[in-house]
Amino acid sequence: METSLRYGGDSKALKIHAKQKIRIDTNTFFQVITFFQSFLCIIHSRYSTICVCYPNKVRGELDTKNGQPNSLRALVRHFYPDLSATLGVGVQYDKLNNVGEKRYARNDKLRYTVLAKKTFLVTEDGLVNFKIKGACDVDQDFKERKSRGGAEFSWNIFNFQKDQDVRLRIGYEAFEQVPYVQIRENNWTFNADYKGRWNVRYDL
């Protein structure tokens, strides 16, 4: 299981994020994700949420204020080694989040999710590569759609200093038309984009 602590500049919450991949066959995995969120600002403490994950089934988020789930998600990913590509399909249900903001669009609906990623090696050793990726969420009536995607270069530097590995990613989000950067040093990861949004992750 992969576990990390996450905090973003656009949020007042520290999240404990856990992800577990369950193998279905050689190249197909069922992805289970859950995180526990607690608000750092006392004024929002009564809106704190916790997340529950039903093993092998869904990702879920439960609002402890009203006892209603905020989001549920299930996703299956298939890897194509010969193509260096990944395809994922799943379903997701999102409600208003606990401070009144909407994660997706106007109404709370069941949404279908499709995502894909393709990697191209730039160097023979694989330390530098180029990726294109995209995803689309569609509501249950196939009328409302939210898309995201872009392209990025990734450069991995092993033993940048003694016992220190570094990864640098520079990319462009096509739908929001904004460049972004990611810097990873061992367990620490920092993400930022041109709009001033940022977040920090620490892998446990």
N, C-alpha and C. Protein backbone atom coordinates (compact mmCIF):
# COMPACT_ATOMS: atom_id res chain seq x y z
N MET A 1 0.84 -1.19 0.00
CA MET A 1 0.00 0.00 0.00
C MET A 1 0.88 1.24 0.00
N GLU A 2 0.51 2.23 -0.83
CA GLU A 2 1.23 3.50 -0.90
C GLU A 2 0.48 4.53 -0.05
N THR A 3 1.18 5.13 0.89
CA THR A 3 0.57 6.09 1.81
C THR A 3 1.36 7.39 1.78
N SER A 4 0.64 8.52 1.80
CA SER A 4 1.31 9.81 1.76
C SER A 4 0.50 10.86 2.51
N LEU A 5 1.19 11.91 2.95
CA LEU A 5 0.57 13.10 3.53
C LEU A 5 0.54 14.17 2.45
N ARG A 6 -0.60 14.87 2.32
CA ARG A 6 -0.74 15.87 1.26
C ARG A 6 -1.35 17.16 1.79
N TYR A 7 -0.81 18.27 1.30
CA TYR A 7 -1.35 19.57 1.67
C TYR A 7 -1.23 20.51 0.48
N GLY A 8 -2.31 21.25 0.19
CA GLY A 8 -2.31 22.16 -0.95
C GLY A 8 -2.61 23.59 -0.54
N GLY A 9 -2.11 24.53 -1.33
CA GLY A 9 -2.32 25.94 -1.03
C GLY A 9 -3.75 26.38 -1.18
N ASP A 10 -4.56 25.65 -1.94
CA ASP A 10 -5.97 26.01 -2.14
C ASP A 10 -6.89 25.26 -1.19
N SER A 11 -6.33 24.62 -0.18
CA SER A 11 -7.13 23.83 0.76
C SER A 11 -6.69 24.12 2.18
N LYS A 12 -7.62 23.97 3.11
CA LYS A 12 -7.30 24.12 4.53
C LYS A 12 -7.22 22.75 5.20
N ALA A 13 -6.97 21.72 4.42
CA ALA A 13 -7.00 20.36 4.95
C ALA A 13 -5.69 19.64 4.70
N LEU A 14 -5.25 18.90 5.69
CA LEU A 14 -4.15 17.96 5.54
C LEU A 14 -4.76 16.59 5.29
N LYS A 15 -4.30 15.92 4.25
CA LYS A 15 -4.90 14.65 3.86
C LYS A 15 -3.91 13.51 4.04
N ILE A 16 -4.41 12.40 4.54
CA ILE A 16 -3.65 11.15 4.55
C ILE A 16 -4.21 10.31 3.42
N HIS A 17 -3.38 10.07 2.42
CA HIS A 17 -3.82 9.43 1.19
C HIS A 17 -3.24 8.03 1.11
N ALA A 18 -4.06 7.04 0.83
CA ALA A 18 -3.60 5.66 0.70
C ALA A 18 -4.13 5.06 -0.59
N LYS A 19 -3.26 4.33 -1.28
CA LYS A 19 -3.64 3.71 -2.55
C LYS A 19 -3.17 2.26 -2.57
N GLN A 20 -4.06 1.39 -2.99
CA GLN A 20 -3.73 -0.03 -3.08
C GLN A 20 -4.13 -0.55 -4.45
N LYS A 21 -3.19 -1.17 -5.14
CA LYS A 21 -3.48 -1.79 -6.42
C LYS A 21 -3.72 -3.28 -6.22
N ILE A 22 -4.85 -3.76 -6.70
CA ILE A 22 -5.20 -5.16 -6.58
C ILE A 22 -5.12 -5.80 -7.97
N ARG A 23 -4.26 -6.78 -8.12
CA ARG A 23 -4.03 -7.39 -9.42
C ARG A 23 -5.22 -8.26 -9.83
N ILE A 24 -5.72 -8.01 -11.05
CA ILE A 24 -6.76 -8.85 -11.63
C ILE A 24 -6.13 -9.90 -12.54
N ASP A 25 -5.23 -9.46 -13.42
CA ASP A 25 -4.39 -10.38 -14.18
C ASP A 25 -3.03 -9.72 -14.36
N THR A 26 -2.23 -10.22 -15.30
CA THR A 26 -0.85 -9.75 -15.42
C THR A 26 -0.75 -8.25 -15.60
N ASN A 27 -1.60 -7.67 -16.44
CA ASN A 27 -1.50 -6.25 -16.76
C ASN A 27 -2.73 -5.45 -16.37
N THR A 28 -3.61 -6.01 -15.57
CA THR A 28 -4.83 -5.32 -15.17
C THR A 28 -4.91 -5.23 -13.66
N PHE A 29 -5.21 -4.03 -13.16
CA PHE A 29 -5.27 -3.80 -11.73
C PHE A 29 -6.57 -3.10 -11.37
N PHE A 30 -7.09 -3.44 -10.20
CA PHE A 30 -8.19 -2.68 -9.61
C PHE A 30 -7.57 -1.71 -8.62
N GLN A 31 -7.87 -0.44 -8.75
CA GLN A 31 -7.23 0.58 -7.93
C GLN A 31 -8.16 1.02 -6.81
N VAL A 32 -7.70 0.91 -5.60
CA VAL A 32 -8.45 1.31 -4.41
C VAL A 32 -7.74 2.49 -3.78
N ILE A 33 -8.45 3.59 -3.59
CA ILE A 33 -7.86 4.80 -3.03
C ILE A 33 -8.73 5.30 -1.89
N THR A 34 -8.10 5.74 -0.83
CA THR A 34 -8.83 6.37 0.26
C THR A 34 -7.94 7.42 0.90
N PHE A 35 -8.54 8.43 1.52
CA PHE A 35 -7.76 9.39 2.28
C PHE A 35 -8.58 9.90 3.44
N PHE A 36 -7.89 10.28 4.51
CA PHE A 36 -8.53 10.84 5.69
C PHE A 36 -8.18 12.32 5.75
N GLN A 37 -9.17 13.16 5.91
CA GLN A 37 -8.97 14.60 5.82
C GLN A 37 -9.42 15.27 7.10
N SER A 38 -8.59 16.17 7.62
CA SER A 38 -8.96 16.94 8.80
C SER A 38 -8.65 18.40 8.55
N PHE A 39 -9.56 19.29 8.89
CA PHE A 39 -9.37 20.71 8.64
C PHE A 39 -8.49 21.34 9.70
N LEU A 40 -7.55 22.16 9.25
CA LEU A 40 -6.61 22.79 10.16
C LEU A 40 -7.19 24.06 10.78
N CYS A 41 -8.18 24.63 10.10
CA CYS A 41 -8.79 25.86 10.60
C CYS A 41 -9.94 25.51 11.53
N ILE A 42 -9.91 26.01 12.75
CA ILE A 42 -10.89 25.63 13.76
C ILE A 42 -12.31 25.99 13.32
N ILE A 43 -12.46 27.06 12.58
CA ILE A 43 -13.79 27.50 12.19
C ILE A 43 -14.47 26.46 11.28
N HIS A 44 -13.66 25.61 10.66
CA HIS A 44 -14.22 24.60 9.78
C HIS A 44 -14.24 23.22 10.42
N SER A 45 -13.91 23.11 11.67
CA SER A 45 -13.75 21.80 12.29
C SER A 45 -15.05 20.99 12.28
N ARG A 46 -16.18 21.65 12.36
CA ARG A 46 -17.44 20.90 12.37
C ARG A 46 -17.79 20.34 11.00
N TYR A 47 -17.02 20.72 9.99
CA TYR A 47 -17.26 20.18 8.66
C TYR A 47 -16.23 19.13 8.27
N SER A 48 -15.46 18.68 9.25
CA SER A 48 -14.39 17.74 8.91
C SER A 48 -14.98 16.45 8.34
N THR A 49 -14.18 15.80 7.52
CA THR A 49 -14.64 14.59 6.88
C THR A 49 -13.64 13.47 7.11
N ILE A 50 -14.14 12.27 7.03
CA ILE A 50 -13.26 11.11 6.96
C ILE A 50 -13.68 10.31 5.75
N CYS A 51 -12.79 9.47 5.27
CA CYS A 51 -13.09 8.69 4.09
C CYS A 51 -13.11 7.23 4.44
N VAL A 52 -14.00 6.51 3.80
CA VAL A 52 -14.06 5.07 4.01
C VAL A 52 -13.86 4.39 2.67
N CYS A 53 -13.17 3.28 2.68
CA CYS A 53 -12.93 2.54 1.46
C CYS A 53 -13.41 1.11 1.65
N TYR A 54 -14.31 0.68 0.80
CA TYR A 54 -14.79 -0.68 0.85
C TYR A 54 -13.82 -1.54 0.06
N PRO A 55 -13.08 -2.44 0.72
CA PRO A 55 -12.01 -3.17 0.06
C PRO A 55 -12.49 -3.84 -1.23
N ASN A 56 -11.64 -3.71 -2.28
CA ASN A 56 -11.87 -4.33 -3.58
C ASN A 56 -13.07 -3.73 -4.32
N LYS A 57 -13.66 -2.67 -3.82
CA LYS A 57 -14.86 -2.16 -4.48
C LYS A 57 -14.74 -0.69 -4.85
N VAL A 58 -14.68 0.22 -3.89
CA VAL A 58 -14.81 1.63 -4.21
C VAL A 58 -13.91 2.49 -3.34
N ARG A 59 -13.78 3.70 -3.78
CA ARG A 59 -13.22 4.75 -2.94
C ARG A 59 -14.38 5.55 -2.41
N GLY A 60 -14.34 5.92 -1.12
CA GLY A 60 -15.46 6.66 -0.56
C GLY A 60 -15.04 7.75 0.39
N GLU A 61 -15.87 8.78 0.46
CA GLU A 61 -15.62 9.87 1.38
C GLU A 61 -16.91 10.14 2.14
N LEU A 62 -16.83 10.15 3.46
CA LEU A 62 -18.01 10.31 4.30
C LEU A 62 -17.92 11.61 5.08
N ASP A 63 -18.97 12.43 5.00
CA ASP A 63 -19.05 13.67 5.74
C ASP A 63 -19.61 13.37 7.13
N THR A 64 -18.80 13.60 8.17
CA THR A 64 -19.23 13.26 9.53
C THR A 64 -20.25 14.26 10.07
N LYS A 65 -20.46 15.38 9.39
CA LYS A 65 -21.44 16.36 9.85
C LYS A 65 -22.87 15.89 9.55
N ASN A 66 -23.07 15.38 8.33
CA ASN A 66 -24.43 14.97 7.96
C ASN A 66 -24.55 13.48 7.69
N GLY A 67 -23.44 12.75 7.79
CA GLY A 67 -23.48 11.31 7.60
C GLY A 67 -23.67 10.87 6.16
N GLN A 68 -23.53 11.80 5.20
CA GLN A 68 -23.72 11.47 3.80
C GLN A 68 -22.37 11.33 3.10
N PRO A 69 -22.27 10.41 2.15
CA PRO A 69 -21.01 10.28 1.40
C PRO A 69 -20.82 11.46 0.45
N ASN A 70 -19.59 11.96 0.37
CA ASN A 70 -19.27 13.04 -0.55
C ASN A 70 -18.84 12.51 -1.91
N SER A 71 -18.15 11.38 -1.93
CA SER A 71 -17.73 10.82 -3.20
C SER A 71 -17.47 9.33 -3.07
N LEU A 72 -17.73 8.63 -4.13
CA LEU A 72 -17.46 7.20 -4.24
C LEU A 72 -16.82 6.95 -5.59
N ARG A 73 -15.81 6.08 -5.63
CA ARG A 73 -15.12 5.86 -6.90
C ARG A 73 -14.62 4.43 -7.02
N ALA A 74 -14.72 3.89 -8.22
CA ALA A 74 -14.16 2.58 -8.55
C ALA A 74 -13.46 2.69 -9.90
N LEU A 75 -12.26 2.12 -10.01
CA LEU A 75 -11.47 2.29 -11.23
C LEU A 75 -10.68 1.03 -11.53
N VAL A 76 -10.69 0.62 -12.79
CA VAL A 76 -9.88 -0.50 -13.27
C VAL A 76 -8.90 0.03 -14.30
N ARG A 77 -7.61 -0.31 -14.13
CA ARG A 77 -6.57 0.13 -15.06
C ARG A 77 -5.96 -1.08 -15.77
N HIS A 78 -5.73 -0.91 -17.06
CA HIS A 78 -5.05 -1.96 -17.83
C HIS A 78 -3.79 -1.38 -18.46
N PHE A 79 -2.69 -2.12 -18.33
CA PHE A 79 -1.40 -1.68 -18.85
C PHE A 79 -1.08 -2.44 -20.13
N TYR A 80 -0.57 -1.71 -21.12
CA TYR A 80 -0.14 -2.28 -22.39
C TYR A 80 1.37 -2.13 -22.50
N PRO A 81 2.14 -3.12 -22.05
CA PRO A 81 3.61 -2.99 -22.01
C PRO A 81 4.22 -2.71 -23.37
N ASP A 82 3.71 -3.35 -24.42
CA ASP A 82 4.29 -3.16 -25.76
C ASP A 82 4.09 -1.74 -26.27
N LEU A 83 3.08 -1.07 -25.77
CA LEU A 83 2.78 0.30 -26.21
C LEU A 83 3.22 1.35 -25.20
N SER A 84 3.69 0.90 -24.04
CA SER A 84 4.01 1.82 -22.93
C SER A 84 2.82 2.72 -22.65
N ALA A 85 1.65 2.13 -22.57
CA ALA A 85 0.41 2.89 -22.41
C ALA A 85 -0.46 2.28 -21.33
N THR A 86 -1.36 3.12 -20.81
CA THR A 86 -2.30 2.73 -19.76
C THR A 86 -3.70 3.22 -20.13
N LEU A 87 -4.70 2.38 -19.89
CA LEU A 87 -6.09 2.77 -20.09
C LEU A 87 -6.87 2.43 -18.83
N GLY A 88 -7.67 3.37 -18.36
CA GLY A 88 -8.46 3.15 -17.16
C GLY A 88 -9.91 3.53 -17.37
N VAL A 89 -10.82 2.78 -16.77
CA VAL A 89 -12.25 3.09 -16.83
C VAL A 89 -12.84 2.90 -15.43
N GLY A 90 -13.85 3.70 -15.12
CA GLY A 90 -14.46 3.57 -13.81
C GLY A 90 -15.69 4.44 -13.67
N VAL A 91 -16.22 4.47 -12.47
CA VAL A 91 -17.38 5.30 -12.15
C VAL A 91 -17.07 6.11 -10.90
N GLN A 92 -17.69 7.28 -10.81
CA GLN A 92 -17.46 8.16 -9.67
C GLN A 92 -18.72 8.94 -9.36
N TYR A 93 -18.99 9.10 -8.07
CA TYR A 93 -20.13 9.90 -7.62
C TYR A 93 -19.61 10.97 -6.67
N ASP A 94 -19.90 12.24 -6.98
CA ASP A 94 -19.43 13.35 -6.17
C ASP A 94 -20.59 14.23 -5.75
N LYS A 95 -20.53 14.66 -4.48
CA LYS A 95 -21.47 15.64 -3.96
C LYS A 95 -20.72 16.93 -3.70
N LEU A 96 -21.43 17.94 -3.18
CA LEU A 96 -20.78 19.16 -2.75
C LEU A 96 -19.75 18.81 -1.69
N ASN A 97 -18.59 19.47 -1.74
CA ASN A 97 -17.62 19.18 -0.69
C ASN A 97 -17.99 19.93 0.57
N ASN A 98 -17.20 19.72 1.63
CA ASN A 98 -17.63 20.15 2.95
C ASN A 98 -17.50 21.65 3.23
N VAL A 99 -17.03 22.44 2.28
CA VAL A 99 -17.04 23.89 2.48
C VAL A 99 -17.88 24.56 1.40
N GLY A 100 -18.74 23.78 0.75
CA GLY A 100 -19.69 24.36 -0.18
C GLY A 100 -19.22 24.45 -1.61
N GLU A 101 -18.00 24.00 -1.92
CA GLU A 101 -17.52 24.05 -3.28
C GLU A 101 -17.88 22.77 -4.00
N LYS A 102 -18.04 22.86 -5.30
CA LYS A 102 -18.41 21.69 -6.07
C LYS A 102 -17.17 21.09 -6.72
N ARG A 103 -17.02 19.80 -6.57
CA ARG A 103 -15.87 19.13 -7.16
C ARG A 103 -16.02 19.10 -8.68
N TYR A 104 -17.20 18.85 -9.15
CA TYR A 104 -17.41 18.80 -10.59
C TYR A 104 -18.40 19.89 -10.97
N ALA A 105 -19.44 19.61 -11.64
CA ALA A 105 -20.22 20.69 -12.20
C ALA A 105 -21.46 20.99 -11.40
N ARG A 106 -22.56 21.24 -12.07
CA ARG A 106 -23.72 21.84 -11.42
C ARG A 106 -24.41 20.93 -10.43
N ASN A 107 -24.65 19.69 -10.82
CA ASN A 107 -25.45 18.79 -9.99
C ASN A 107 -24.64 17.60 -9.53
N ASP A 108 -25.13 16.97 -8.46
CA ASP A 108 -24.49 15.76 -7.96
C ASP A 108 -25.00 14.58 -8.78
N LYS A 109 -24.13 14.00 -9.58
CA LYS A 109 -24.54 12.91 -10.45
C LYS A 109 -23.48 11.82 -10.48
N LEU A 110 -23.93 10.66 -10.89
CA LEU A 110 -22.99 9.59 -11.18
C LEU A 110 -22.23 9.94 -12.45
N ARG A 111 -20.92 9.73 -12.42
CA ARG A 111 -20.11 10.07 -13.58
C ARG A 111 -19.25 8.89 -13.99
N TYR A 112 -19.11 8.75 -15.29
CA TYR A 112 -18.25 7.71 -15.84
C TYR A 112 -16.89 8.34 -16.17
N THR A 113 -15.83 7.63 -15.87
CA THR A 113 -14.48 8.16 -16.05
C THR A 113 -13.68 7.27 -17.00
N VAL A 114 -13.00 7.91 -17.95
CA VAL A 114 -12.06 7.23 -18.83
C VAL A 114 -10.76 8.01 -18.81
N LEU A 115 -9.65 7.31 -18.65
CA LEU A 115 -8.36 7.98 -18.66
C LEU A 115 -7.33 7.14 -19.40
N ALA A 116 -6.33 7.81 -19.98
CA ALA A 116 -5.31 7.11 -20.75
C ALA A 116 -3.99 7.87 -20.65
N LYS A 117 -2.89 7.11 -20.80
CA LYS A 117 -1.56 7.71 -20.76
C LYS A 117 -0.63 6.92 -21.68
N LYS A 118 0.21 7.65 -22.43
CA LYS A 118 1.17 7.03 -23.34
C LYS A 118 2.55 7.64 -23.07
N THR A 119 3.55 6.77 -22.96
CA THR A 119 4.91 7.21 -22.66
C THR A 119 5.83 6.93 -23.84
N PHE A 120 6.67 7.93 -24.17
CA PHE A 120 7.68 7.79 -25.21
C PHE A 120 9.05 8.00 -24.58
N LEU A 121 9.96 7.07 -24.82
CA LEU A 121 11.31 7.22 -24.30
C LEU A 121 12.08 8.24 -25.13
N VAL A 122 12.72 9.18 -24.46
CA VAL A 122 13.56 10.17 -25.13
C VAL A 122 15.01 9.70 -25.16
N THR A 123 15.44 9.06 -24.09
CA THR A 123 16.79 8.49 -24.03
C THR A 123 16.68 6.98 -23.88
N GLU A 124 17.70 6.27 -24.34
CA GLU A 124 17.67 4.82 -24.32
C GLU A 124 17.62 4.25 -22.91
N ASP A 125 18.21 4.97 -21.96
CA ASP A 125 18.21 4.47 -20.57
C ASP A 125 16.88 4.72 -19.87
N GLY A 126 15.95 5.44 -20.51
CA GLY A 126 14.64 5.67 -19.94
C GLY A 126 14.58 6.74 -18.87
N LEU A 127 15.69 7.43 -18.63
CA LEU A 127 15.70 8.46 -17.58
C LEU A 127 14.98 9.73 -18.02
N VAL A 128 14.90 9.95 -19.32
CA VAL A 128 14.14 11.09 -19.85
C VAL A 128 13.04 10.54 -20.75
N ASN A 129 11.82 10.95 -20.48
CA ASN A 129 10.71 10.48 -21.31
C ASN A 129 9.69 11.58 -21.53
N PHE A 130 8.81 11.35 -22.47
CA PHE A 130 7.76 12.29 -22.82
C PHE A 130 6.43 11.57 -22.71
N LYS A 131 5.47 12.18 -22.03
CA LYS A 131 4.17 11.55 -21.81
C LYS A 131 3.05 12.43 -22.32
N ILE A 132 2.05 11.79 -22.89
CA ILE A 132 0.79 12.46 -23.19
C ILE A 132 -0.29 11.72 -22.40
N LYS A 133 -1.20 12.48 -21.81
CA LYS A 133 -2.22 11.86 -20.97
C LYS A 133 -3.50 12.66 -21.04
N GLY A 134 -4.59 11.98 -20.80
CA GLY A 134 -5.88 12.66 -20.83
C GLY A 134 -6.92 11.88 -20.05
N ALA A 135 -7.98 12.56 -19.69
CA ALA A 135 -9.08 11.94 -18.95
C ALA A 135 -10.36 12.69 -19.26
N CYS A 136 -11.47 11.99 -19.13
CA CYS A 136 -12.77 12.60 -19.37
C CYS A 136 -13.80 12.02 -18.41
N ASP A 137 -14.55 12.89 -17.77
CA ASP A 137 -15.65 12.49 -16.90
C ASP A 137 -16.96 12.89 -17.58
N VAL A 138 -17.87 11.95 -17.69
CA VAL A 138 -19.16 12.20 -18.34
C VAL A 138 -20.27 11.83 -17.38
N ASP A 139 -21.32 12.66 -17.32
CA ASP A 139 -22.42 12.35 -16.41
C ASP A 139 -23.25 11.18 -16.94
N GLN A 140 -24.17 10.72 -16.11
CA GLN A 140 -24.93 9.51 -16.43
C GLN A 140 -25.84 9.69 -17.64
N ASP A 141 -26.14 10.94 -18.00
CA ASP A 141 -26.98 11.20 -19.17
C ASP A 141 -26.15 11.51 -20.41
N PHE A 142 -24.82 11.48 -20.27
CA PHE A 142 -23.90 11.78 -21.36
C PHE A 142 -24.14 13.17 -21.96
N LYS A 143 -24.50 14.11 -21.09
CA LYS A 143 -24.74 15.49 -21.53
C LYS A 143 -23.67 16.45 -21.02
N GLU A 144 -23.16 16.18 -19.86
CA GLU A 144 -22.18 17.08 -19.25
C GLU A 144 -20.83 16.39 -19.21
N ARG A 145 -19.80 17.09 -19.66
CA ARG A 145 -18.49 16.48 -19.78
C ARG A 145 -17.41 17.39 -19.20
N LYS A 146 -16.46 16.79 -18.50
CA LYS A 146 -15.30 17.52 -17.98
C LYS A 146 -14.05 16.79 -18.45
N SER A 147 -13.21 17.49 -19.20
CA SER A 147 -12.02 16.88 -19.77
C SER A 147 -10.76 17.52 -19.21
N ARG A 148 -9.70 16.76 -19.17
CA ARG A 148 -8.39 17.27 -18.76
C ARG A 148 -7.32 16.44 -19.45
N GLY A 149 -6.17 17.04 -19.65
CA GLY A 149 -5.11 16.31 -20.33
C GLY A 149 -3.99 17.25 -20.73
N GLY A 150 -2.90 16.66 -21.16
CA GLY A 150 -1.77 17.47 -21.56
C GLY A 150 -0.57 16.61 -21.89
N ALA A 151 0.60 17.25 -21.88
CA ALA A 151 1.84 16.58 -22.21
C ALA A 151 2.93 17.06 -21.26
N GLU A 152 3.91 16.20 -21.01
CA GLU A 152 4.97 16.56 -20.08
C GLU A 152 6.26 15.81 -20.39
N PHE A 153 7.38 16.46 -20.06
CA PHE A 153 8.69 15.83 -20.07
C PHE A 153 9.05 15.47 -18.64
N SER A 154 9.68 14.30 -18.49
CA SER A 154 10.10 13.84 -17.17
C SER A 154 11.57 13.45 -17.22
N TRP A 155 12.35 13.92 -16.23
CA TRP A 155 13.78 13.64 -16.15
C TRP A 155 14.09 13.09 -14.77
N ASN A 156 14.55 11.84 -14.73
CA ASN A 156 14.92 11.19 -13.47
C ASN A 156 16.43 11.23 -13.29
N ILE A 157 16.86 11.69 -12.13
CA ILE A 157 18.28 11.78 -11.81
C ILE A 157 18.54 10.95 -10.56
N PHE A 158 19.17 9.81 -10.74
CA PHE A 158 19.49 8.96 -9.60
C PHE A 158 20.82 9.38 -8.99
N ASN A 159 20.89 9.33 -7.65
CA ASN A 159 22.10 9.73 -6.92
C ASN A 159 22.55 11.13 -7.31
N PHE A 160 21.59 12.05 -7.35
CA PHE A 160 21.90 13.46 -7.60
C PHE A 160 22.94 13.94 -6.60
N GLN A 161 22.72 13.57 -5.36
CA GLN A 161 23.73 13.60 -4.32
C GLN A 161 23.66 12.25 -3.63
N LYS A 162 24.50 12.00 -2.69
CA LYS A 162 24.52 10.70 -2.04
C LYS A 162 23.15 10.41 -1.42
N ASP A 163 22.59 9.25 -1.75
CA ASP A 163 21.29 8.81 -1.24
C ASP A 163 20.17 9.79 -1.57
N GLN A 164 20.29 10.48 -2.69
CA GLN A 164 19.27 11.46 -3.08
C GLN A 164 18.91 11.27 -4.55
N ASP A 165 17.66 10.91 -4.80
CA ASP A 165 17.14 10.79 -6.17
C ASP A 165 16.21 11.96 -6.44
N VAL A 166 16.28 12.50 -7.64
CA VAL A 166 15.49 13.67 -8.01
C VAL A 166 14.75 13.39 -9.31
N ARG A 167 13.51 13.86 -9.39
CA ARG A 167 12.75 13.79 -10.63
C ARG A 167 12.16 15.16 -10.94
N LEU A 168 12.33 15.61 -12.16
CA LEU A 168 11.81 16.90 -12.60
C LEU A 168 10.82 16.67 -13.73
N ARG A 169 9.63 17.24 -13.58
CA ARG A 169 8.62 17.17 -14.63
C ARG A 169 8.20 18.58 -15.02
N ILE A 170 8.13 18.81 -16.33
CA ILE A 170 7.65 20.08 -16.85
C ILE A 170 6.58 19.75 -17.89
N GLY A 171 5.39 20.32 -17.72
CA GLY A 171 4.31 19.96 -18.63
C GLY A 171 3.37 21.11 -18.91
N TYR A 172 2.37 20.80 -19.72
CA TYR A 172 1.36 21.79 -20.11
C TYR A 172 -0.01 21.13 -20.09
N GLU A 173 -0.94 21.71 -19.31
CA GLU A 173 -2.31 21.22 -19.23
C GLU A 173 -3.09 21.87 -20.37
N ALA A 174 -3.57 21.05 -21.31
CA ALA A 174 -4.13 21.58 -22.54
C ALA A 174 -5.48 22.24 -22.35
N PHE A 175 -6.35 21.69 -21.51
CA PHE A 175 -7.70 22.22 -21.39
C PHE A 175 -7.74 23.51 -20.58
N GLU A 176 -6.91 23.60 -19.55
CA GLU A 176 -6.82 24.84 -18.78
C GLU A 176 -5.79 25.79 -19.37
N GLN A 177 -5.00 25.31 -20.32
CA GLN A 177 -3.96 26.09 -20.98
C GLN A 177 -3.01 26.72 -19.97
N VAL A 178 -2.43 25.86 -19.13
CA VAL A 178 -1.53 26.34 -18.09
C VAL A 178 -0.33 25.40 -17.98
N PRO A 179 0.89 25.94 -17.94
CA PRO A 179 2.07 25.11 -17.71
C PRO A 179 2.21 24.76 -16.24
N TYR A 180 2.89 23.65 -15.96
CA TYR A 180 3.07 23.23 -14.58
C TYR A 180 4.44 22.57 -14.42
N VAL A 181 4.85 22.42 -13.18
CA VAL A 181 6.13 21.80 -12.88
C VAL A 181 5.98 20.90 -11.65
N GLN A 182 6.74 19.83 -11.62
CA GLN A 182 6.79 18.95 -10.46
C GLN A 182 8.25 18.65 -10.14
N ILE A 183 8.61 18.78 -8.87
CA ILE A 183 9.94 18.45 -8.40
C ILE A 183 9.81 17.41 -7.30
N ARG A 184 10.48 16.29 -7.48
CA ARG A 184 10.45 15.23 -6.47
C ARG A 184 11.85 14.92 -5.98
N GLU A 185 12.00 14.86 -4.66
CA GLU A 185 13.29 14.53 -4.04
C GLU A 185 13.03 13.45 -3.00
N ASN A 186 13.46 12.22 -3.32
CA ASN A 186 13.19 11.08 -2.45
C ASN A 186 11.70 11.01 -2.11
N ASN A 187 11.33 11.26 -0.86
CA ASN A 187 9.93 11.13 -0.44
C ASN A 187 9.11 12.40 -0.62
N TRP A 188 9.74 13.52 -0.94
CA TRP A 188 9.04 14.80 -1.04
C TRP A 188 8.69 15.10 -2.50
N THR A 189 7.48 15.61 -2.72
CA THR A 189 7.05 16.02 -4.05
C THR A 189 6.37 17.39 -3.96
N PHE A 190 6.79 18.31 -4.84
CA PHE A 190 6.20 19.65 -4.89
C PHE A 190 5.63 19.88 -6.28
N ASN A 191 4.36 20.29 -6.35
CA ASN A 191 3.68 20.58 -7.61
C ASN A 191 3.25 22.04 -7.63
N ALA A 192 3.38 22.69 -8.77
CA ALA A 192 2.95 24.08 -8.91
C ALA A 192 2.60 24.34 -10.37
N ASP A 193 1.69 25.30 -10.60
CA ASP A 193 1.38 25.69 -11.97
C ASP A 193 1.40 27.20 -12.12
N TYR A 194 1.21 27.66 -13.35
CA TYR A 194 1.35 29.07 -13.67
C TYR A 194 0.25 29.93 -13.04
N LYS A 195 -0.85 29.30 -12.61
CA LYS A 195 -1.93 30.04 -11.97
C LYS A 195 -1.70 30.23 -10.48
N GLY A 196 -0.58 29.77 -9.98
CA GLY A 196 -0.25 29.95 -8.57
C GLY A 196 -0.73 28.84 -7.66
N ARG A 197 -1.30 27.79 -8.22
CA ARG A 197 -1.75 26.66 -7.41
C ARG A 197 -0.56 25.76 -7.09
N TRP A 198 -0.55 25.22 -5.88
CA TRP A 198 0.56 24.36 -5.49
C TRP A 198 0.10 23.35 -4.45
N ASN A 199 0.86 22.28 -4.32
CA ASN A 199 0.63 21.31 -3.25
C ASN A 199 1.91 20.56 -2.97
N VAL A 200 1.98 20.01 -1.77
CA VAL A 200 3.16 19.27 -1.31
C VAL A 200 2.72 17.89 -0.87
N ARG A 201 3.53 16.88 -1.19
CA ARG A 201 3.23 15.51 -0.80
C ARG A 201 4.46 14.88 -0.16
N TYR A 202 4.23 14.12 0.90
CA TYR A 202 5.30 13.35 1.53
C TYR A 202 4.89 11.89 1.58
N ASP A 203 5.66 11.04 0.92
CA ASP A 203 5.36 9.61 0.89
C ASP A 203 5.91 8.94 2.13
N LEU A 204 5.04 8.24 2.85
CA LEU A 204 5.44 7.57 4.09
C LEU A 204 6.11 6.23 3.80
